[in-house]
Amino acid sequence: MPLHLRTLSMRIQTVHIVLAFALGACSTVAAQSAATPTTPTVAADPASPRWMPPTSPPVTKADAAQRRSAPNGKGAVTILARGDNAFLARLELAAGAAVPVHRDATEEYIHLLEGAGVITIDGVDIPIGAGDTVYMPADAEVRYQNSDANMVALQVFAGPGPAAKYANWPLEE
């Protein structure tokens, strides 16, 4: 098969994977300062920088998606969809960034679009790279070490609760 058709086929498969996770109401890669033992409170006032919409509109336009930066400047999250049973975001981590050990109350999925690193789930180190999809069970002990390249991924939580940590990340204007 010609290269351009293989590339198109891989992109279509990626879209199918993401839609399957999102529609199945089925991620926490957070930068260093985002992991906390308690879930932060999301502000109720839309004027507050800690406000996050409780649910998304039926369609989130790219230019309207809420984007937040990690306080340490090594990560960013673009909130693509948030519902009662799932959360979907585009997650970006800088080269060499690390996510400290943490646990989330819901299942999490990460699909790497670009980059590579090592994810540790319940003490098992697993090298991952572009095209790989990671499943993390609820309450699993997780950490991540990014490679020397930037990482871009799609992140899905099987419930919006763990995404509340992003309310502590400043909004990008």
N, C-alpha and C. Protein backbone atom coordinates (compact mmCIF):
# COMPACT_ATOMS: atom_id res chain seq x y z
N MET A 1 0.85 -1.17 0.00
CA MET A 1 0.00 0.00 0.00
C MET A 1 0.90 1.24 0.00
N PRO A 2 0.59 2.25 -0.82
CA PRO A 2 1.40 3.46 -0.86
C PRO A 2 1.42 4.14 0.52
N LEU A 3 2.51 4.85 0.81
CA LEU A 3 2.71 5.48 2.11
C LEU A 3 1.58 6.43 2.47
N HIS A 4 1.12 7.25 1.52
CA HIS A 4 0.07 8.22 1.85
C HIS A 4 -1.24 7.52 2.24
N LEU A 5 -1.53 6.35 1.66
CA LEU A 5 -2.73 5.61 2.04
C LEU A 5 -2.57 4.95 3.41
N ARG A 6 -1.37 4.46 3.71
CA ARG A 6 -1.12 3.89 5.05
C ARG A 6 -1.27 4.96 6.12
N THR A 7 -0.73 6.16 5.85
CA THR A 7 -0.84 7.27 6.81
C THR A 7 -2.29 7.64 7.03
N LEU A 8 -3.06 7.74 5.96
CA LEU A 8 -4.49 8.05 6.08
C LEU A 8 -5.20 6.96 6.86
N SER A 9 -4.90 5.72 6.57
CA SER A 9 -5.51 4.60 7.28
C SER A 9 -5.21 4.66 8.77
N MET A 10 -3.96 4.97 9.14
CA MET A 10 -3.58 5.07 10.56
C MET A 10 -4.34 6.20 11.24
N ARG A 11 -4.53 7.32 10.55
CA ARG A 11 -5.27 8.45 11.14
C ARG A 11 -6.73 8.07 11.35
N ILE A 12 -7.32 7.38 10.40
CA ILE A 12 -8.71 6.95 10.54
C ILE A 12 -8.84 5.98 11.72
N GLN A 13 -7.88 5.05 11.86
CA GLN A 13 -7.91 4.12 12.99
C GLN A 13 -7.80 4.87 14.32
N THR A 14 -6.97 5.92 14.37
CA THR A 14 -6.83 6.71 15.59
C THR A 14 -8.16 7.37 15.94
N VAL A 15 -8.84 7.94 14.95
CA VAL A 15 -10.14 8.57 15.20
C VAL A 15 -11.13 7.54 15.71
N HIS A 16 -11.12 6.34 15.15
CA HIS A 16 -12.04 5.29 15.61
C HIS A 16 -11.76 4.91 17.05
N ILE A 17 -10.49 4.81 17.43
CA ILE A 17 -10.14 4.46 18.81
C ILE A 17 -10.66 5.53 19.76
N VAL A 18 -10.41 6.79 19.43
CA VAL A 18 -10.83 7.88 20.31
C VAL A 18 -12.35 7.90 20.44
N LEU A 19 -13.05 7.76 19.33
CA LEU A 19 -14.51 7.76 19.39
C LEU A 19 -15.03 6.58 20.21
N ALA A 20 -14.39 5.42 20.08
CA ALA A 20 -14.82 4.26 20.86
C ALA A 20 -14.69 4.53 22.35
N PHE A 21 -13.59 5.12 22.76
CA PHE A 21 -13.40 5.44 24.18
C PHE A 21 -14.41 6.48 24.64
N ALA A 22 -14.53 7.56 23.86
CA ALA A 22 -15.41 8.66 24.27
C ALA A 22 -16.86 8.22 24.30
N LEU A 23 -17.30 7.53 23.27
CA LEU A 23 -18.70 7.10 23.22
C LEU A 23 -18.97 5.96 24.19
N GLY A 24 -17.96 5.23 24.55
CA GLY A 24 -18.11 4.15 25.52
C GLY A 24 -18.09 4.67 26.94
N ALA A 25 -18.02 5.96 27.10
CA ALA A 25 -17.94 6.59 28.43
C ALA A 25 -16.85 5.96 29.26
N CYS A 26 -15.83 5.82 28.58
CA CYS A 26 -14.77 5.20 29.28
C CYS A 26 -14.16 6.17 30.27
N SER A 27 -8.01 10.42 31.17
CA SER A 27 -6.78 9.86 31.31
C SER A 27 -6.18 10.72 32.21
N THR A 28 -4.65 10.01 33.91
CA THR A 28 -4.33 11.37 34.26
C THR A 28 -2.88 11.52 33.99
N VAL A 29 -2.59 12.09 32.95
CA VAL A 29 -1.21 12.48 32.86
C VAL A 29 -1.25 13.94 33.23
N ALA A 30 -0.64 14.28 34.31
CA ALA A 30 -0.60 15.66 34.76
C ALA A 30 0.84 16.01 34.99
N ALA A 31 1.17 17.25 34.88
CA ALA A 31 2.55 17.63 35.13
C ALA A 31 2.81 17.69 36.63
N GLN A 32 4.02 17.80 36.99
CA GLN A 32 4.54 17.62 38.34
C GLN A 32 3.67 18.19 39.44
N SER A 33 3.21 19.41 39.36
CA SER A 33 2.50 20.01 40.48
C SER A 33 1.01 19.75 40.45
N ALA A 34 0.50 19.03 39.48
CA ALA A 34 -0.94 18.86 39.36
C ALA A 34 -1.49 17.72 40.20
N ALA A 35 -0.70 16.70 40.48
CA ALA A 35 -1.20 15.55 41.23
C ALA A 35 -1.35 15.92 42.70
N THR A 36 -2.55 15.70 43.22
CA THR A 36 -2.81 16.00 44.62
C THR A 36 -3.58 14.85 45.22
N PRO A 37 -3.47 14.63 46.53
CA PRO A 37 -4.19 13.53 47.14
C PRO A 37 -5.69 13.77 47.22
N THR A 38 -6.11 15.01 47.09
CA THR A 38 -7.54 15.30 47.13
C THR A 38 -7.95 15.95 45.83
N THR A 39 -9.21 15.82 45.47
CA THR A 39 -9.72 16.42 44.25
C THR A 39 -10.04 17.88 44.51
N PRO A 40 -9.45 18.81 43.74
CA PRO A 40 -9.73 20.22 43.95
C PRO A 40 -11.18 20.54 43.63
N THR A 41 -11.66 21.61 44.21
CA THR A 41 -13.01 22.06 43.95
C THR A 41 -13.00 22.92 42.70
N VAL A 42 -13.92 22.66 41.80
CA VAL A 42 -14.06 23.47 40.60
C VAL A 42 -14.98 24.63 40.95
N ALA A 43 -14.59 25.85 40.59
CA ALA A 43 -15.37 27.03 40.90
C ALA A 43 -16.70 27.02 40.16
N ALA A 44 -17.75 27.50 40.82
CA ALA A 44 -19.08 27.56 40.22
C ALA A 44 -19.26 28.80 39.36
N ASP A 45 -18.45 29.83 39.57
CA ASP A 45 -18.57 31.10 38.86
C ASP A 45 -17.79 31.07 37.56
N PRO A 46 -18.47 31.20 36.40
CA PRO A 46 -17.76 31.18 35.11
C PRO A 46 -16.69 32.26 34.99
N ALA A 47 -16.75 33.31 35.79
CA ALA A 47 -15.74 34.36 35.74
C ALA A 47 -14.47 33.95 36.47
N SER A 48 -14.53 32.91 37.27
CA SER A 48 -13.37 32.45 38.03
C SER A 48 -12.40 31.70 37.12
N PRO A 49 -11.09 31.88 37.32
CA PRO A 49 -10.13 31.12 36.51
C PRO A 49 -10.15 29.63 36.83
N ARG A 50 -10.78 29.23 37.94
CA ARG A 50 -10.88 27.80 38.31
C ARG A 50 -12.16 27.18 37.80
N TRP A 51 -12.96 27.91 37.05
CA TRP A 51 -14.22 27.38 36.53
C TRP A 51 -13.96 26.44 35.37
N MET A 52 -14.66 25.30 35.39
CA MET A 52 -14.65 24.37 34.26
C MET A 52 -16.10 24.01 33.99
N PRO A 53 -16.50 23.94 32.73
CA PRO A 53 -17.89 23.62 32.43
C PRO A 53 -18.25 22.23 32.95
N PRO A 54 -19.44 22.08 33.58
CA PRO A 54 -19.84 20.76 34.07
C PRO A 54 -20.03 19.77 32.94
N THR A 55 -20.55 20.22 31.82
CA THR A 55 -20.67 19.37 30.62
C THR A 55 -20.39 20.23 29.40
N SER A 56 -19.97 19.57 28.35
CA SER A 56 -19.65 20.26 27.11
C SER A 56 -20.90 20.42 26.26
N PRO A 57 -20.86 21.37 25.32
CA PRO A 57 -21.94 21.44 24.33
C PRO A 57 -21.83 20.22 23.42
N PRO A 58 -22.85 19.97 22.59
CA PRO A 58 -22.78 18.81 21.69
C PRO A 58 -21.54 18.81 20.79
N VAL A 59 -21.06 19.98 20.41
CA VAL A 59 -19.84 20.10 19.60
C VAL A 59 -18.95 21.16 20.23
N THR A 60 -17.70 20.83 20.44
CA THR A 60 -16.73 21.81 20.92
C THR A 60 -15.86 22.22 19.74
N LYS A 61 -15.97 23.47 19.34
CA LYS A 61 -15.14 23.98 18.24
C LYS A 61 -13.72 24.17 18.75
N ALA A 62 -12.75 23.89 17.91
CA ALA A 62 -11.34 23.95 18.30
C ALA A 62 -10.97 25.30 18.92
N ASP A 63 -11.46 26.39 18.34
CA ASP A 63 -11.09 27.71 18.86
C ASP A 63 -11.82 28.08 20.15
N ALA A 64 -12.80 27.26 20.56
CA ALA A 64 -13.55 27.53 21.78
C ALA A 64 -13.17 26.59 22.93
N ALA A 65 -12.31 25.62 22.65
CA ALA A 65 -11.93 24.65 23.68
C ALA A 65 -11.10 25.34 24.77
N GLN A 66 -11.42 25.04 26.01
CA GLN A 66 -10.69 25.62 27.14
C GLN A 66 -9.30 24.98 27.21
N ARG A 67 -8.26 25.83 27.29
CA ARG A 67 -6.88 25.34 27.35
C ARG A 67 -6.25 25.85 28.63
N ARG A 68 -5.58 24.93 29.34
CA ARG A 68 -4.94 25.27 30.61
C ARG A 68 -3.50 24.79 30.60
N SER A 69 -2.62 25.55 31.27
CA SER A 69 -1.20 25.21 31.35
C SER A 69 -0.85 24.75 32.75
N ALA A 70 0.01 23.75 32.84
CA ALA A 70 0.49 23.29 34.14
C ALA A 70 1.23 24.43 34.83
N PRO A 71 1.07 24.55 36.14
CA PRO A 71 1.76 25.62 36.87
C PRO A 71 3.27 25.63 36.66
N ASN A 72 3.88 24.47 36.43
CA ASN A 72 5.33 24.43 36.22
C ASN A 72 5.74 24.69 34.77
N GLY A 73 4.75 24.92 33.88
CA GLY A 73 5.03 25.23 32.49
C GLY A 73 5.43 24.04 31.63
N LYS A 74 5.36 22.82 32.16
CA LYS A 74 5.82 21.65 31.41
C LYS A 74 4.69 20.85 30.78
N GLY A 75 3.46 21.34 30.89
CA GLY A 75 2.34 20.61 30.32
C GLY A 75 1.19 21.54 30.01
N ALA A 76 0.28 21.06 29.19
CA ALA A 76 -0.94 21.80 28.86
C ALA A 76 -2.03 20.80 28.55
N VAL A 77 -3.26 21.20 28.81
CA VAL A 77 -4.41 20.37 28.51
C VAL A 77 -5.45 21.23 27.79
N THR A 78 -6.00 20.69 26.71
CA THR A 78 -7.10 21.33 26.00
C THR A 78 -8.32 20.45 26.21
N ILE A 79 -9.33 21.00 26.87
CA ILE A 79 -10.52 20.21 27.21
C ILE A 79 -11.42 20.13 25.99
N LEU A 80 -11.55 18.93 25.46
CA LEU A 80 -12.32 18.71 24.23
C LEU A 80 -13.78 18.35 24.52
N ALA A 81 -14.01 17.56 25.55
CA ALA A 81 -15.38 17.18 25.91
C ALA A 81 -15.42 16.76 27.37
N ARG A 82 -16.50 17.13 28.03
CA ARG A 82 -16.69 16.78 29.45
C ARG A 82 -18.17 16.48 29.63
N GLY A 83 -18.46 15.28 30.11
CA GLY A 83 -19.84 14.88 30.33
C GLY A 83 -20.02 14.31 31.72
N ASP A 84 -21.15 13.68 31.95
CA ASP A 84 -21.43 13.06 33.25
C ASP A 84 -20.62 11.79 33.46
N ASN A 85 -20.24 11.12 32.37
CA ASN A 85 -19.59 9.81 32.47
C ASN A 85 -18.21 9.72 31.83
N ALA A 86 -17.73 10.80 31.24
CA ALA A 86 -16.42 10.75 30.59
C ALA A 86 -15.84 12.15 30.43
N PHE A 87 -14.54 12.19 30.17
CA PHE A 87 -13.79 13.42 29.96
C PHE A 87 -12.77 13.13 28.87
N LEU A 88 -12.65 14.04 27.88
CA LEU A 88 -11.71 13.87 26.78
C LEU A 88 -10.89 15.15 26.63
N ALA A 89 -9.57 15.00 26.55
CA ALA A 89 -8.70 16.16 26.41
C ALA A 89 -7.52 15.83 25.51
N ARG A 90 -6.92 16.88 24.99
CA ARG A 90 -5.62 16.78 24.29
C ARG A 90 -4.59 17.18 25.33
N LEU A 91 -3.65 16.30 25.58
CA LEU A 91 -2.64 16.51 26.61
C LEU A 91 -1.28 16.69 25.96
N GLU A 92 -0.53 17.68 26.41
CA GLU A 92 0.81 17.93 25.88
C GLU A 92 1.79 18.01 27.03
N LEU A 93 2.93 17.35 26.89
CA LEU A 93 4.00 17.41 27.89
C LEU A 93 5.31 17.77 27.20
N ALA A 94 6.10 18.61 27.85
CA ALA A 94 7.40 19.01 27.32
C ALA A 94 8.39 17.86 27.39
N ALA A 95 9.38 17.93 26.54
CA ALA A 95 10.46 16.94 26.55
C ALA A 95 11.04 16.84 27.95
N GLY A 96 11.24 15.62 28.42
CA GLY A 96 11.83 15.39 29.73
C GLY A 96 10.89 15.57 30.92
N ALA A 97 9.67 16.00 30.68
CA ALA A 97 8.72 16.21 31.79
C ALA A 97 8.35 14.88 32.44
N ALA A 98 8.00 14.96 33.71
CA ALA A 98 7.61 13.76 34.45
C ALA A 98 6.29 14.00 35.16
N VAL A 99 5.50 12.97 35.26
CA VAL A 99 4.26 12.99 36.03
C VAL A 99 4.53 12.17 37.29
N PRO A 100 4.35 12.77 38.47
CA PRO A 100 4.66 12.04 39.70
C PRO A 100 3.66 10.92 39.97
N VAL A 101 4.01 10.05 40.88
CA VAL A 101 3.13 8.96 41.28
C VAL A 101 1.81 9.54 41.76
N HIS A 102 0.73 8.96 41.27
CA HIS A 102 -0.62 9.40 41.67
C HIS A 102 -1.61 8.28 41.39
N ARG A 103 -2.82 8.45 41.86
CA ARG A 103 -3.93 7.54 41.60
C ARG A 103 -5.14 8.36 41.21
N ASP A 104 -5.95 7.82 40.32
CA ASP A 104 -7.21 8.46 39.95
C ASP A 104 -8.35 7.50 40.24
N ALA A 105 -9.49 8.06 40.59
CA ALA A 105 -10.64 7.25 41.01
C ALA A 105 -11.32 6.52 39.86
N THR A 106 -11.06 6.93 38.63
CA THR A 106 -11.70 6.28 37.49
C THR A 106 -10.66 5.68 36.56
N GLU A 107 -11.12 4.85 35.65
CA GLU A 107 -10.24 4.35 34.59
C GLU A 107 -9.75 5.53 33.78
N GLU A 108 -8.57 5.35 33.18
CA GLU A 108 -8.00 6.38 32.33
C GLU A 108 -7.40 5.72 31.10
N TYR A 109 -7.50 6.42 29.99
CA TYR A 109 -6.91 5.96 28.74
C TYR A 109 -6.07 7.09 28.17
N ILE A 110 -4.93 6.74 27.62
CA ILE A 110 -4.06 7.70 26.92
C ILE A 110 -3.74 7.10 25.56
N HIS A 111 -3.92 7.89 24.50
CA HIS A 111 -3.51 7.47 23.16
C HIS A 111 -2.46 8.46 22.69
N LEU A 112 -1.22 8.00 22.53
CA LEU A 112 -0.11 8.87 22.12
C LEU A 112 -0.19 9.16 20.63
N LEU A 113 -0.24 10.45 20.32
CA LEU A 113 -0.21 10.89 18.93
C LEU A 113 1.22 11.19 18.49
N GLU A 114 2.02 11.74 19.43
CA GLU A 114 3.41 12.08 19.16
C GLU A 114 4.22 11.84 20.42
N GLY A 115 5.49 11.50 20.25
CA GLY A 115 6.40 11.37 21.38
C GLY A 115 6.50 9.96 21.91
N ALA A 116 7.20 9.84 23.05
CA ALA A 116 7.44 8.53 23.67
C ALA A 116 7.84 8.75 25.11
N GLY A 117 7.82 7.67 25.87
CA GLY A 117 8.24 7.74 27.26
C GLY A 117 8.06 6.39 27.93
N VAL A 118 8.12 6.40 29.26
CA VAL A 118 7.90 5.19 30.04
C VAL A 118 6.81 5.46 31.05
N ILE A 119 5.75 4.66 30.98
CA ILE A 119 4.67 4.76 31.96
C ILE A 119 4.83 3.60 32.94
N THR A 120 4.63 3.90 34.21
CA THR A 120 4.70 2.87 35.24
C THR A 120 3.32 2.72 35.83
N ILE A 121 2.77 1.51 35.72
CA ILE A 121 1.43 1.22 36.25
C ILE A 121 1.57 0.12 37.28
N ASP A 122 1.21 0.44 38.52
CA ASP A 122 1.32 -0.52 39.62
C ASP A 122 2.69 -1.20 39.66
N GLY A 123 3.75 -0.39 39.50
CA GLY A 123 5.12 -0.88 39.62
C GLY A 123 5.73 -1.50 38.39
N VAL A 124 4.99 -1.57 37.29
CA VAL A 124 5.50 -2.17 36.06
C VAL A 124 5.81 -1.06 35.05
N ASP A 125 7.09 -0.96 34.63
CA ASP A 125 7.52 0.03 33.64
C ASP A 125 7.19 -0.48 32.24
N ILE A 126 6.54 0.39 31.44
CA ILE A 126 6.16 0.02 30.08
C ILE A 126 6.57 1.14 29.12
N PRO A 127 7.52 0.88 28.21
CA PRO A 127 7.86 1.90 27.21
C PRO A 127 6.69 2.08 26.24
N ILE A 128 6.37 3.34 25.92
CA ILE A 128 5.28 3.62 25.00
C ILE A 128 5.72 4.67 23.98
N GLY A 129 5.05 4.68 22.83
CA GLY A 129 5.37 5.63 21.78
C GLY A 129 4.15 5.96 20.94
N ALA A 130 4.34 6.84 19.98
CA ALA A 130 3.27 7.29 19.10
C ALA A 130 2.50 6.10 18.54
N GLY A 131 1.18 6.17 18.62
CA GLY A 131 0.32 5.10 18.13
C GLY A 131 -0.11 4.13 19.22
N ASP A 132 0.57 4.14 20.37
CA ASP A 132 0.22 3.23 21.47
C ASP A 132 -0.94 3.80 22.29
N THR A 133 -1.76 2.90 22.82
CA THR A 133 -2.87 3.28 23.69
C THR A 133 -2.67 2.60 25.04
N VAL A 134 -2.83 3.37 26.10
CA VAL A 134 -2.61 2.89 27.46
C VAL A 134 -3.93 2.85 28.21
N TYR A 135 -4.18 1.75 28.92
CA TYR A 135 -5.34 1.62 29.81
C TYR A 135 -4.83 1.58 31.24
N MET A 136 -5.38 2.42 32.10
CA MET A 136 -5.03 2.43 33.52
C MET A 136 -6.28 2.15 34.32
N PRO A 137 -6.31 1.06 35.09
CA PRO A 137 -7.49 0.76 35.90
C PRO A 137 -7.74 1.84 36.95
N ALA A 138 -8.96 1.94 37.41
CA ALA A 138 -9.28 2.87 38.49
C ALA A 138 -8.39 2.57 39.69
N ASP A 139 -7.90 3.61 40.32
CA ASP A 139 -7.08 3.55 41.53
C ASP A 139 -5.71 2.89 41.32
N ALA A 140 -5.27 2.73 40.08
CA ALA A 140 -3.92 2.21 39.82
C ALA A 140 -2.90 3.26 40.21
N GLU A 141 -1.73 2.80 40.69
CA GLU A 141 -0.64 3.72 40.98
C GLU A 141 0.11 3.95 39.67
N VAL A 142 0.17 5.21 39.25
CA VAL A 142 0.69 5.56 37.92
C VAL A 142 1.73 6.67 38.03
N ARG A 143 2.76 6.60 37.18
CA ARG A 143 3.68 7.71 36.97
C ARG A 143 4.15 7.64 35.53
N TYR A 144 4.72 8.75 35.03
CA TYR A 144 5.15 8.79 33.64
C TYR A 144 6.42 9.62 33.52
N GLN A 145 7.36 9.14 32.70
CA GLN A 145 8.58 9.89 32.38
C GLN A 145 8.63 10.08 30.87
N ASN A 146 8.57 11.33 30.45
CA ASN A 146 8.60 11.64 29.02
C ASN A 146 10.01 11.50 28.49
N SER A 147 10.13 11.21 27.20
CA SER A 147 11.44 11.10 26.54
C SER A 147 12.00 12.50 26.30
N ASP A 148 12.98 12.59 25.43
CA ASP A 148 13.58 13.88 25.11
C ASP A 148 12.84 14.60 23.97
N ALA A 149 11.61 14.16 23.69
CA ALA A 149 10.77 14.83 22.69
C ALA A 149 9.44 15.21 23.34
N ASN A 150 8.81 16.22 22.80
CA ASN A 150 7.48 16.60 23.30
C ASN A 150 6.50 15.47 23.07
N MET A 151 5.51 15.37 23.94
CA MET A 151 4.47 14.34 23.83
C MET A 151 3.13 15.01 23.62
N VAL A 152 2.34 14.47 22.70
CA VAL A 152 0.96 14.91 22.47
C VAL A 152 0.10 13.65 22.53
N ALA A 153 -0.98 13.71 23.31
CA ALA A 153 -1.83 12.54 23.47
C ALA A 153 -3.27 12.95 23.62
N LEU A 154 -4.15 11.99 23.42
CA LEU A 154 -5.56 12.14 23.77
C LEU A 154 -5.75 11.42 25.09
N GLN A 155 -6.44 12.08 26.01
CA GLN A 155 -6.65 11.56 27.36
C GLN A 155 -8.14 11.41 27.60
N VAL A 156 -8.51 10.24 28.13
CA VAL A 156 -9.92 9.97 28.43
C VAL A 156 -10.02 9.47 29.87
N PHE A 157 -10.88 10.10 30.66
CA PHE A 157 -11.23 9.59 31.99
C PHE A 157 -12.62 8.99 31.88
N ALA A 158 -12.85 7.86 32.54
CA ALA A 158 -14.17 7.24 32.57
C ALA A 158 -14.99 7.87 33.69
N GLY A 159 -15.14 9.15 33.62
CA GLY A 159 -15.82 9.96 34.62
C GLY A 159 -15.05 11.26 34.73
N PRO A 160 -15.72 12.37 34.90
CA PRO A 160 -15.03 13.66 34.88
C PRO A 160 -14.32 14.03 36.19
N GLY A 161 -14.53 13.29 37.27
CA GLY A 161 -13.95 13.64 38.57
C GLY A 161 -12.47 13.92 38.57
N PRO A 162 -11.61 13.00 38.06
CA PRO A 162 -10.17 13.25 38.10
C PRO A 162 -9.74 14.49 37.31
N ALA A 163 -10.52 14.90 36.33
CA ALA A 163 -10.17 16.08 35.54
C ALA A 163 -10.28 17.37 36.34
N ALA A 164 -10.93 17.33 37.49
CA ALA A 164 -11.05 18.53 38.32
C ALA A 164 -9.70 19.09 38.71
N LYS A 165 -8.64 18.25 38.71
CA LYS A 165 -7.29 18.74 39.04
C LYS A 165 -6.85 19.84 38.09
N TYR A 166 -7.37 19.82 36.87
CA TYR A 166 -6.98 20.83 35.90
C TYR A 166 -7.53 22.21 36.23
N ALA A 167 -8.50 22.29 37.14
CA ALA A 167 -9.01 23.59 37.57
C ALA A 167 -7.91 24.40 38.25
N ASN A 168 -6.87 23.72 38.77
CA ASN A 168 -5.74 24.42 39.38
C ASN A 168 -4.74 24.93 38.36
N TRP A 169 -4.88 24.54 37.12
CA TRP A 169 -3.97 24.98 36.08
C TRP A 169 -4.51 26.30 35.49
N PRO A 170 -3.67 27.30 35.33
CA PRO A 170 -4.12 28.59 34.80
C PRO A 170 -4.67 28.47 33.38
N LEU A 171 -5.73 29.22 33.13
CA LEU A 171 -6.29 29.31 31.78
C LEU A 171 -5.32 30.03 30.85
N GLU A 172 -5.21 29.55 29.63
CA GLU A 172 -4.43 30.27 28.60
C GLU A 172 -5.40 31.21 27.90
N GLU A 173 -4.94 32.34 27.58
CA GLU A 173 -5.79 33.34 26.89
C GLU A 173 -5.55 33.30 25.41
